[in-house]
Amino acid sequence: MRVKAEGPRSLGVDPATGLNVYVMNGRYGAYVQLGETPNGSQKSKVKGQKVEKPKRASLQAGMTESTVTLDEALKLLSLPRVVGLHPDDNESVVTSFGRFGPYVTDGRINASIPRGSNPEAVTFEQAVELLEARRNAMPMPRRAGGRRGAPRASARGARAKAAGA
């Protein structure tokens, strides 16, 4: 475990943006960060002025702060990735990595990406197939409505009628 006084470890420079990539240890575990952390805390910002936060991604299972490489960090920072627009409803189809592993979503339906598959390598066609399979496997929504037919007699009411008769 790294001591916080050592500070973040630089993995290198992202070729696409020219920003440094760091591996850091935070309250919820190790993560990678693209770019510098802005100076000053969020509380000291001027009202109405937005502070641009650097992009961050948690390390996945099996990765450690000391063994993560620049390539692995760039893959983590590339997610979530827009794969395309869903042909039925024109919503963005996105691949990402969540609490339970890699998944694909269209904003309403989430479908797990099978084990062993790489979320960066999922094509648009595969993503749409996964979403359709998940949509077909989902239970039909329940219809709202009241009871149909006569109300049932309660056990107490049935005994009272039997005793009185």
N, C-alpha and C. Protein backbone atom coordinates (compact mmCIF):
# COMPACT_ATOMS: atom_id res chain seq x y z
N MET A 1 0.85 -1.19 0.00
CA MET A 1 0.00 0.00 0.00
C MET A 1 0.89 1.24 0.00
N ARG A 2 0.57 2.15 -0.87
CA ARG A 2 1.38 3.36 -0.99
C ARG A 2 1.01 4.35 0.09
N VAL A 3 1.99 5.08 0.53
CA VAL A 3 1.75 6.13 1.51
C VAL A 3 1.26 7.35 0.75
N LYS A 4 0.26 8.02 1.28
CA LYS A 4 -0.35 9.16 0.59
C LYS A 4 0.67 10.29 0.37
N ALA A 5 1.67 10.40 1.22
CA ALA A 5 2.66 11.47 1.10
C ALA A 5 3.49 11.31 -0.17
N GLU A 6 3.60 10.08 -0.69
CA GLU A 6 4.37 9.86 -1.92
C GLU A 6 3.69 10.52 -3.10
N GLY A 7 2.39 10.61 -3.07
CA GLY A 7 1.65 11.24 -4.16
C GLY A 7 1.34 10.25 -5.27
N PRO A 8 0.73 10.75 -6.33
CA PRO A 8 0.35 9.87 -7.43
C PRO A 8 1.56 9.42 -8.24
N ARG A 9 1.43 8.23 -8.85
CA ARG A 9 2.49 7.70 -9.70
C ARG A 9 2.11 7.97 -11.14
N SER A 10 3.00 8.60 -11.88
CA SER A 10 2.75 8.91 -13.29
C SER A 10 3.02 7.67 -14.13
N LEU A 11 2.06 7.34 -15.00
CA LEU A 11 2.21 6.19 -15.89
C LEU A 11 2.75 6.60 -17.25
N GLY A 12 2.59 7.87 -17.60
CA GLY A 12 3.04 8.36 -18.89
C GLY A 12 2.09 9.41 -19.42
N VAL A 13 2.16 9.66 -20.72
CA VAL A 13 1.34 10.69 -21.36
C VAL A 13 0.38 10.03 -22.34
N ASP A 14 -0.88 10.47 -22.31
CA ASP A 14 -1.89 9.99 -23.26
C ASP A 14 -1.56 10.59 -24.62
N PRO A 15 -1.33 9.77 -25.66
CA PRO A 15 -0.97 10.32 -26.96
C PRO A 15 -2.09 11.13 -27.61
N ALA A 16 -3.34 10.82 -27.29
CA ALA A 16 -4.47 11.52 -27.92
C ALA A 16 -4.65 12.93 -27.37
N THR A 17 -4.47 13.10 -26.05
CA THR A 17 -4.73 14.40 -25.44
C THR A 17 -3.48 15.14 -25.00
N GLY A 18 -2.38 14.42 -24.82
CA GLY A 18 -1.16 15.05 -24.34
C GLY A 18 -1.15 15.26 -22.84
N LEU A 19 -2.15 14.72 -22.13
CA LEU A 19 -2.23 14.87 -20.68
C LEU A 19 -1.56 13.69 -19.98
N ASN A 20 -1.04 13.94 -18.78
CA ASN A 20 -0.42 12.88 -17.99
C ASN A 20 -1.49 11.94 -17.46
N VAL A 21 -1.13 10.66 -17.34
CA VAL A 21 -2.00 9.64 -16.76
C VAL A 21 -1.37 9.21 -15.45
N TYR A 22 -2.15 9.27 -14.37
CA TYR A 22 -1.67 8.94 -13.03
C TYR A 22 -2.45 7.76 -12.48
N VAL A 23 -1.81 7.00 -11.61
CA VAL A 23 -2.52 6.01 -10.80
C VAL A 23 -2.49 6.53 -9.37
N MET A 24 -3.67 6.55 -8.74
CA MET A 24 -3.81 7.14 -7.41
C MET A 24 -4.58 6.18 -6.51
N ASN A 25 -4.49 6.44 -5.23
CA ASN A 25 -5.24 5.65 -4.26
C ASN A 25 -6.16 6.60 -3.51
N GLY A 26 -7.46 6.34 -3.58
CA GLY A 26 -8.44 7.21 -2.94
C GLY A 26 -9.22 6.49 -1.87
N ARG A 27 -10.27 7.13 -1.44
CA ARG A 27 -11.11 6.61 -0.37
C ARG A 27 -11.73 5.26 -0.73
N TYR A 28 -12.07 5.06 -2.00
CA TYR A 28 -12.74 3.83 -2.43
C TYR A 28 -11.81 2.88 -3.17
N GLY A 29 -10.51 3.09 -3.07
CA GLY A 29 -9.56 2.19 -3.71
C GLY A 29 -8.73 2.89 -4.77
N ALA A 30 -7.97 2.09 -5.49
CA ALA A 30 -7.06 2.62 -6.50
C ALA A 30 -7.82 2.98 -7.78
N TYR A 31 -7.34 4.02 -8.46
CA TYR A 31 -7.96 4.47 -9.71
C TYR A 31 -6.92 5.15 -10.57
N VAL A 32 -7.25 5.31 -11.86
CA VAL A 32 -6.39 6.04 -12.78
C VAL A 32 -7.06 7.36 -13.13
N GLN A 33 -6.25 8.36 -13.41
CA GLN A 33 -6.76 9.70 -13.69
C GLN A 33 -6.04 10.28 -14.88
N LEU A 34 -6.80 10.93 -15.75
CA LEU A 34 -6.25 11.58 -16.94
C LEU A 34 -6.18 13.07 -16.66
N GLY A 35 -4.98 13.61 -16.56
CA GLY A 35 -4.80 15.05 -16.31
C GLY A 35 -4.55 15.35 -14.84
N GLU A 36 -4.32 16.62 -14.59
CA GLU A 36 -4.00 17.09 -13.25
C GLU A 36 -5.26 17.35 -12.44
N THR A 37 -5.16 17.21 -11.13
CA THR A 37 -6.24 17.59 -10.24
C THR A 37 -6.20 19.10 -10.08
N PRO A 38 -7.34 19.79 -10.26
CA PRO A 38 -7.32 21.25 -10.12
C PRO A 38 -6.92 21.67 -8.70
N ASN A 39 -6.18 22.77 -8.62
CA ASN A 39 -5.76 23.28 -7.31
C ASN A 39 -6.96 23.84 -6.56
N GLY A 40 -6.95 23.67 -5.25
CA GLY A 40 -8.05 24.19 -4.43
C GLY A 40 -9.17 23.17 -4.35
N SER A 41 -9.97 23.31 -3.33
CA SER A 41 -11.07 22.37 -3.15
C SER A 41 -12.32 22.88 -3.85
N GLN A 42 -13.32 22.04 -3.95
CA GLN A 42 -14.58 22.41 -4.58
C GLN A 42 -15.27 23.53 -3.81
N LYS A 43 -15.07 23.58 -2.49
CA LYS A 43 -15.74 24.58 -1.67
C LYS A 43 -15.24 25.99 -1.96
N SER A 44 -14.00 26.11 -2.45
CA SER A 44 -13.43 27.44 -2.66
C SER A 44 -13.74 28.01 -4.04
N LYS A 45 -14.50 27.28 -4.87
CA LYS A 45 -14.77 27.80 -6.21
C LYS A 45 -15.78 28.95 -6.14
N VAL A 46 -15.69 29.82 -7.11
CA VAL A 46 -16.58 30.96 -7.19
C VAL A 46 -17.96 30.47 -7.63
N LYS A 47 -19.00 31.04 -7.04
CA LYS A 47 -20.35 30.61 -7.35
C LYS A 47 -20.64 30.84 -8.84
N GLY A 48 -21.20 29.81 -9.48
CA GLY A 48 -21.54 29.90 -10.89
C GLY A 48 -20.41 29.50 -11.81
N GLN A 49 -19.22 29.28 -11.27
CA GLN A 49 -18.08 28.91 -12.09
C GLN A 49 -17.85 27.40 -11.97
N LYS A 50 -17.86 26.71 -13.10
CA LYS A 50 -17.68 25.26 -13.09
C LYS A 50 -16.19 24.93 -13.12
N VAL A 51 -15.80 23.96 -12.30
CA VAL A 51 -14.43 23.48 -12.30
C VAL A 51 -14.41 22.18 -13.09
N GLU A 52 -13.60 22.12 -14.12
CA GLU A 52 -13.48 20.92 -14.95
C GLU A 52 -12.76 19.83 -14.17
N LYS A 53 -13.44 18.70 -13.97
CA LYS A 53 -12.83 17.59 -13.24
C LYS A 53 -12.11 16.68 -14.21
N PRO A 54 -10.98 16.11 -13.80
CA PRO A 54 -10.28 15.17 -14.69
C PRO A 54 -11.05 13.85 -14.78
N LYS A 55 -10.86 13.14 -15.88
CA LYS A 55 -11.53 11.85 -16.07
C LYS A 55 -10.84 10.81 -15.20
N ARG A 56 -11.66 9.99 -14.53
CA ARG A 56 -11.14 8.97 -13.62
C ARG A 56 -11.83 7.65 -13.89
N ALA A 57 -11.12 6.54 -13.57
CA ALA A 57 -11.70 5.20 -13.70
C ALA A 57 -11.08 4.30 -12.64
N SER A 58 -11.92 3.51 -11.97
CA SER A 58 -11.44 2.57 -10.95
C SER A 58 -10.67 1.43 -11.60
N LEU A 59 -9.70 0.90 -10.85
CA LEU A 59 -8.98 -0.27 -11.33
C LEU A 59 -9.90 -1.48 -11.20
N GLN A 60 -9.82 -2.40 -12.14
CA GLN A 60 -10.66 -3.59 -12.14
C GLN A 60 -10.03 -4.68 -11.27
N ALA A 61 -10.81 -5.73 -11.02
CA ALA A 61 -10.33 -6.85 -10.22
C ALA A 61 -9.08 -7.44 -10.88
N GLY A 62 -8.10 -7.75 -10.08
CA GLY A 62 -6.86 -8.31 -10.60
C GLY A 62 -5.80 -7.27 -10.89
N MET A 63 -6.19 -6.01 -10.96
CA MET A 63 -5.22 -4.93 -11.20
C MET A 63 -4.78 -4.37 -9.85
N THR A 64 -3.52 -4.03 -9.76
CA THR A 64 -3.03 -3.38 -8.55
C THR A 64 -2.38 -2.06 -8.92
N GLU A 65 -2.29 -1.22 -7.95
CA GLU A 65 -1.73 0.12 -8.14
C GLU A 65 -0.29 0.05 -8.65
N SER A 66 0.45 -0.96 -8.20
CA SER A 66 1.87 -1.04 -8.56
C SER A 66 2.11 -1.73 -9.90
N THR A 67 1.13 -2.49 -10.42
CA THR A 67 1.37 -3.24 -11.65
C THR A 67 0.61 -2.70 -12.86
N VAL A 68 -0.26 -1.73 -12.69
CA VAL A 68 -1.04 -1.21 -13.82
C VAL A 68 -0.12 -0.49 -14.80
N THR A 69 -0.37 -0.69 -16.10
CA THR A 69 0.45 -0.08 -17.14
C THR A 69 -0.31 1.06 -17.81
N LEU A 70 0.38 1.83 -18.63
CA LEU A 70 -0.24 2.94 -19.35
C LEU A 70 -1.32 2.43 -20.30
N ASP A 71 -1.06 1.33 -21.00
CA ASP A 71 -2.06 0.78 -21.93
C ASP A 71 -3.33 0.37 -21.21
N GLU A 72 -3.18 -0.31 -20.07
CA GLU A 72 -4.35 -0.72 -19.28
C GLU A 72 -5.12 0.50 -18.79
N ALA A 73 -4.40 1.51 -18.34
CA ALA A 73 -5.04 2.72 -17.84
C ALA A 73 -5.81 3.43 -18.96
N LEU A 74 -5.24 3.49 -20.15
CA LEU A 74 -5.93 4.14 -21.27
C LEU A 74 -7.18 3.37 -21.68
N LYS A 75 -7.15 2.03 -21.58
CA LYS A 75 -8.35 1.23 -21.87
C LYS A 75 -9.44 1.53 -20.85
N LEU A 76 -9.06 1.63 -19.57
CA LEU A 76 -10.05 1.94 -18.53
C LEU A 76 -10.64 3.33 -18.74
N LEU A 77 -9.81 4.28 -19.13
CA LEU A 77 -10.28 5.65 -19.32
C LEU A 77 -11.09 5.82 -20.60
N SER A 78 -10.99 4.86 -21.53
CA SER A 78 -11.75 4.96 -22.78
C SER A 78 -13.23 4.62 -22.59
N LEU A 79 -13.58 3.96 -21.49
CA LEU A 79 -14.97 3.61 -21.21
C LEU A 79 -15.62 4.68 -20.37
N PRO A 80 -16.88 4.98 -20.50
CA PRO A 80 -17.85 4.40 -21.41
C PRO A 80 -17.60 4.86 -22.84
N ARG A 81 -17.92 3.94 -23.78
CA ARG A 81 -17.66 4.18 -25.20
C ARG A 81 -18.97 4.08 -25.97
N VAL A 82 -19.27 5.10 -26.76
CA VAL A 82 -20.48 5.09 -27.59
C VAL A 82 -20.19 4.22 -28.81
N VAL A 83 -21.03 3.18 -28.99
CA VAL A 83 -20.84 2.24 -30.09
C VAL A 83 -21.60 2.71 -31.33
N GLY A 84 -22.76 3.33 -31.12
CA GLY A 84 -23.58 3.80 -32.24
C GLY A 84 -24.96 4.17 -31.76
N LEU A 85 -25.88 4.41 -32.70
CA LEU A 85 -27.27 4.73 -32.38
C LEU A 85 -28.14 3.51 -32.63
N HIS A 86 -29.01 3.21 -31.66
CA HIS A 86 -29.91 2.06 -31.78
C HIS A 86 -30.86 2.30 -32.95
N PRO A 87 -31.04 1.31 -33.84
CA PRO A 87 -31.87 1.52 -35.03
C PRO A 87 -33.35 1.75 -34.73
N ASP A 88 -33.86 1.22 -33.61
CA ASP A 88 -35.29 1.34 -33.30
C ASP A 88 -35.66 2.70 -32.73
N ASP A 89 -34.86 3.18 -31.77
CA ASP A 89 -35.26 4.40 -31.05
C ASP A 89 -34.24 5.53 -31.11
N ASN A 90 -33.18 5.39 -31.90
CA ASN A 90 -32.16 6.44 -32.07
C ASN A 90 -31.47 6.84 -30.77
N GLU A 91 -31.44 5.95 -29.77
CA GLU A 91 -30.72 6.20 -28.52
C GLU A 91 -29.28 5.73 -28.68
N SER A 92 -28.36 6.37 -27.96
CA SER A 92 -26.96 5.97 -28.00
C SER A 92 -26.79 4.60 -27.35
N VAL A 93 -26.04 3.73 -28.01
CA VAL A 93 -25.69 2.43 -27.45
C VAL A 93 -24.28 2.57 -26.90
N VAL A 94 -24.12 2.28 -25.61
CA VAL A 94 -22.87 2.55 -24.90
C VAL A 94 -22.37 1.28 -24.24
N THR A 95 -21.07 1.02 -24.32
CA THR A 95 -20.45 -0.05 -23.55
C THR A 95 -19.73 0.58 -22.38
N SER A 96 -19.79 -0.10 -21.24
CA SER A 96 -19.15 0.43 -20.05
C SER A 96 -18.77 -0.72 -19.13
N PHE A 97 -18.14 -0.38 -18.03
CA PHE A 97 -17.76 -1.37 -17.03
C PHE A 97 -18.40 -0.94 -15.72
N GLY A 98 -19.24 -1.80 -15.17
CA GLY A 98 -19.96 -1.47 -13.95
C GLY A 98 -19.59 -2.36 -12.79
N ARG A 99 -20.39 -2.28 -11.76
CA ARG A 99 -20.16 -3.02 -10.53
C ARG A 99 -20.13 -4.53 -10.76
N PHE A 100 -20.96 -5.02 -11.68
CA PHE A 100 -21.07 -6.45 -11.93
C PHE A 100 -20.36 -6.88 -13.21
N GLY A 101 -19.50 -6.04 -13.74
CA GLY A 101 -18.75 -6.40 -14.93
C GLY A 101 -19.13 -5.54 -16.12
N PRO A 102 -18.61 -5.90 -17.31
CA PRO A 102 -18.89 -5.11 -18.50
C PRO A 102 -20.33 -5.27 -18.96
N TYR A 103 -20.89 -4.19 -19.50
CA TYR A 103 -22.27 -4.23 -19.97
C TYR A 103 -22.45 -3.26 -21.12
N VAL A 104 -23.59 -3.40 -21.80
CA VAL A 104 -23.97 -2.50 -22.88
C VAL A 104 -25.36 -1.97 -22.53
N THR A 105 -25.60 -0.69 -22.83
CA THR A 105 -26.88 -0.08 -22.48
C THR A 105 -27.34 0.85 -23.59
N ASP A 106 -28.66 1.02 -23.66
CA ASP A 106 -29.23 2.01 -24.58
C ASP A 106 -29.93 3.11 -23.79
N GLY A 107 -29.69 3.18 -22.50
CA GLY A 107 -30.31 4.19 -21.65
C GLY A 107 -31.46 3.64 -20.84
N ARG A 108 -32.12 2.59 -21.34
CA ARG A 108 -33.24 1.99 -20.62
C ARG A 108 -32.94 0.55 -20.24
N ILE A 109 -32.30 -0.19 -21.12
CA ILE A 109 -32.04 -1.61 -20.90
C ILE A 109 -30.53 -1.81 -20.81
N ASN A 110 -30.11 -2.56 -19.79
CA ASN A 110 -28.70 -2.93 -19.64
C ASN A 110 -28.57 -4.42 -19.91
N ALA A 111 -27.56 -4.79 -20.68
CA ALA A 111 -27.30 -6.20 -20.98
C ALA A 111 -25.84 -6.49 -20.67
N SER A 112 -25.61 -7.56 -19.92
CA SER A 112 -24.25 -7.95 -19.58
C SER A 112 -23.51 -8.44 -20.81
N ILE A 113 -22.25 -8.09 -20.88
CA ILE A 113 -21.38 -8.61 -21.93
C ILE A 113 -20.85 -9.94 -21.40
N PRO A 114 -20.90 -11.02 -22.18
CA PRO A 114 -20.49 -12.34 -21.69
C PRO A 114 -19.06 -12.35 -21.18
N ARG A 115 -18.81 -13.24 -20.21
CA ARG A 115 -17.46 -13.39 -19.65
C ARG A 115 -16.49 -13.75 -20.77
N GLY A 116 -15.30 -13.23 -20.65
CA GLY A 116 -14.29 -13.51 -21.65
C GLY A 116 -14.30 -12.54 -22.82
N SER A 117 -15.42 -11.83 -23.00
CA SER A 117 -15.49 -10.83 -24.07
C SER A 117 -14.88 -9.53 -23.59
N ASN A 118 -14.25 -8.84 -24.50
CA ASN A 118 -13.61 -7.58 -24.18
C ASN A 118 -14.58 -6.43 -24.48
N PRO A 119 -14.92 -5.57 -23.50
CA PRO A 119 -15.88 -4.50 -23.77
C PRO A 119 -15.39 -3.50 -24.82
N GLU A 120 -14.08 -3.37 -24.99
CA GLU A 120 -13.56 -2.45 -26.00
C GLU A 120 -13.73 -3.02 -27.41
N ALA A 121 -13.87 -4.35 -27.52
CA ALA A 121 -13.95 -4.99 -28.83
C ALA A 121 -15.39 -5.27 -29.27
N VAL A 122 -16.38 -4.92 -28.47
CA VAL A 122 -17.78 -5.18 -28.82
C VAL A 122 -18.18 -4.29 -29.98
N THR A 123 -18.73 -4.90 -31.03
CA THR A 123 -19.16 -4.15 -32.20
C THR A 123 -20.60 -3.66 -32.01
N PHE A 124 -21.04 -2.79 -32.89
CA PHE A 124 -22.40 -2.26 -32.82
C PHE A 124 -23.42 -3.38 -32.98
N GLU A 125 -23.19 -4.29 -33.93
CA GLU A 125 -24.12 -5.39 -34.18
C GLU A 125 -24.23 -6.29 -32.95
N GLN A 126 -23.09 -6.62 -32.32
CA GLN A 126 -23.10 -7.45 -31.12
C GLN A 126 -23.86 -6.75 -30.00
N ALA A 127 -23.65 -5.45 -29.85
CA ALA A 127 -24.32 -4.70 -28.79
C ALA A 127 -25.83 -4.71 -28.98
N VAL A 128 -26.29 -4.51 -30.21
CA VAL A 128 -27.74 -4.52 -30.49
C VAL A 128 -28.31 -5.91 -30.24
N GLU A 129 -27.58 -6.98 -30.62
CA GLU A 129 -28.04 -8.35 -30.36
C GLU A 129 -28.18 -8.60 -28.86
N LEU A 130 -27.19 -8.17 -28.07
CA LEU A 130 -27.25 -8.35 -26.62
C LEU A 130 -28.45 -7.62 -26.02
N LEU A 131 -28.69 -6.40 -26.49
CA LEU A 131 -29.83 -5.62 -25.98
C LEU A 131 -31.16 -6.27 -26.36
N GLU A 132 -31.27 -6.77 -27.58
CA GLU A 132 -32.52 -7.42 -28.02
C GLU A 132 -32.76 -8.71 -27.23
N ALA A 133 -31.70 -9.49 -26.99
CA ALA A 133 -31.84 -10.71 -26.21
C ALA A 133 -32.28 -10.39 -24.79
N ARG A 134 -31.73 -9.35 -24.22
CA ARG A 134 -32.11 -8.95 -22.86
C ARG A 134 -33.55 -8.45 -22.84
N ARG A 135 -33.94 -7.68 -23.84
CA ARG A 135 -35.30 -7.15 -23.92
C ARG A 135 -36.30 -8.30 -24.03
N ASN A 136 -35.98 -9.33 -24.81
CA ASN A 136 -36.88 -10.48 -24.98
C ASN A 136 -36.93 -11.35 -23.73
N ALA A 137 -35.86 -11.35 -22.94
CA ALA A 137 -35.81 -12.17 -21.73
C ALA A 137 -36.49 -11.50 -20.54
N MET A 138 -36.76 -10.21 -20.65
CA MET A 138 -37.36 -9.48 -19.52
C MET A 138 -38.83 -9.87 -19.38
N PRO A 139 -39.34 -9.93 -18.15
CA PRO A 139 -40.76 -10.22 -17.95
C PRO A 139 -41.61 -9.05 -18.44
N MET A 140 -42.80 -9.37 -18.86
CA MET A 140 -43.73 -8.34 -19.31
C MET A 140 -44.11 -7.47 -18.12
N PRO A 141 -44.28 -6.17 -18.31
CA PRO A 141 -44.67 -5.31 -17.19
C PRO A 141 -46.09 -5.64 -16.74
N ARG A 142 -46.31 -5.57 -15.43
CA ARG A 142 -47.62 -5.85 -14.88
C ARG A 142 -48.57 -4.73 -15.21
N ARG A 143 -49.82 -5.11 -15.44
CA ARG A 143 -50.84 -4.10 -15.70
C ARG A 143 -51.39 -3.61 -14.39
N ALA A 144 -51.57 -2.33 -14.30
CA ALA A 144 -52.18 -1.76 -13.11
C ALA A 144 -53.69 -1.93 -13.23
N GLY A 145 -54.32 -2.15 -12.12
CA GLY A 145 -55.77 -2.28 -12.18
C GLY A 145 -56.29 -2.85 -10.89
N GLY A 146 -57.57 -2.76 -10.74
CA GLY A 146 -58.20 -3.27 -9.53
C GLY A 146 -58.58 -4.72 -9.69
N ARG A 147 -59.30 -5.22 -8.71
CA ARG A 147 -59.76 -6.60 -8.75
C ARG A 147 -60.83 -6.77 -9.80
N ARG A 148 -60.93 -7.99 -10.25
CA ARG A 148 -62.01 -8.33 -11.16
C ARG A 148 -62.89 -9.35 -10.45
N GLY A 149 -64.19 -9.23 -10.62
CA GLY A 149 -65.10 -10.20 -10.03
C GLY A 149 -65.52 -9.78 -8.63
N ALA A 150 -66.25 -10.67 -7.99
CA ALA A 150 -66.78 -10.39 -6.65
C ALA A 150 -65.66 -10.49 -5.63
N PRO A 151 -65.74 -9.67 -4.59
CA PRO A 151 -64.72 -9.76 -3.54
C PRO A 151 -64.84 -11.09 -2.81
N ARG A 152 -63.70 -11.60 -2.37
CA ARG A 152 -63.67 -12.87 -1.66
C ARG A 152 -64.17 -12.69 -0.24
N ALA A 153 -64.77 -13.72 0.29
CA ALA A 153 -65.23 -13.69 1.68
C ALA A 153 -64.03 -13.95 2.57
N SER A 154 -63.91 -13.19 3.62
CA SER A 154 -62.79 -13.39 4.53
C SER A 154 -63.07 -14.61 5.40
N ALA A 155 -62.05 -15.15 6.00
CA ALA A 155 -62.20 -16.33 6.85
C ALA A 155 -63.10 -16.01 8.04
N ARG A 156 -62.97 -14.82 8.60
CA ARG A 156 -63.77 -14.43 9.75
C ARG A 156 -65.25 -14.34 9.35
N GLY A 157 -65.52 -13.76 8.20
CA GLY A 157 -66.90 -13.62 7.73
C GLY A 157 -67.52 -14.97 7.43
N ALA A 158 -66.74 -15.91 6.89
CA ALA A 158 -67.27 -17.24 6.58
C ALA A 158 -67.61 -18.00 7.85
N ARG A 159 -66.77 -17.86 8.90
CA ARG A 159 -67.06 -18.53 10.17
C ARG A 159 -68.28 -17.94 10.84
N ALA A 160 -68.44 -16.63 10.76
CA ALA A 160 -69.59 -15.98 11.38
C ALA A 160 -70.88 -16.43 10.70
N LYS A 161 -70.85 -16.57 9.40
CA LYS A 161 -72.04 -17.02 8.67
C LYS A 161 -72.35 -18.47 9.03
N ALA A 162 -71.32 -19.30 9.15
CA ALA A 162 -71.53 -20.72 9.47
C ALA A 162 -72.07 -20.87 10.89
N ALA A 163 -71.59 -20.07 11.83
CA ALA A 163 -72.04 -20.15 13.22
C ALA A 163 -73.47 -19.64 13.35
N GLY A 164 -73.82 -18.63 12.59
CA GLY A 164 -75.15 -18.03 12.66
C GLY A 164 -76.18 -18.85 11.92
N ALA A 165 -75.78 -19.66 11.00
CA ALA A 165 -76.75 -20.41 10.19
C ALA A 165 -77.12 -21.73 10.78
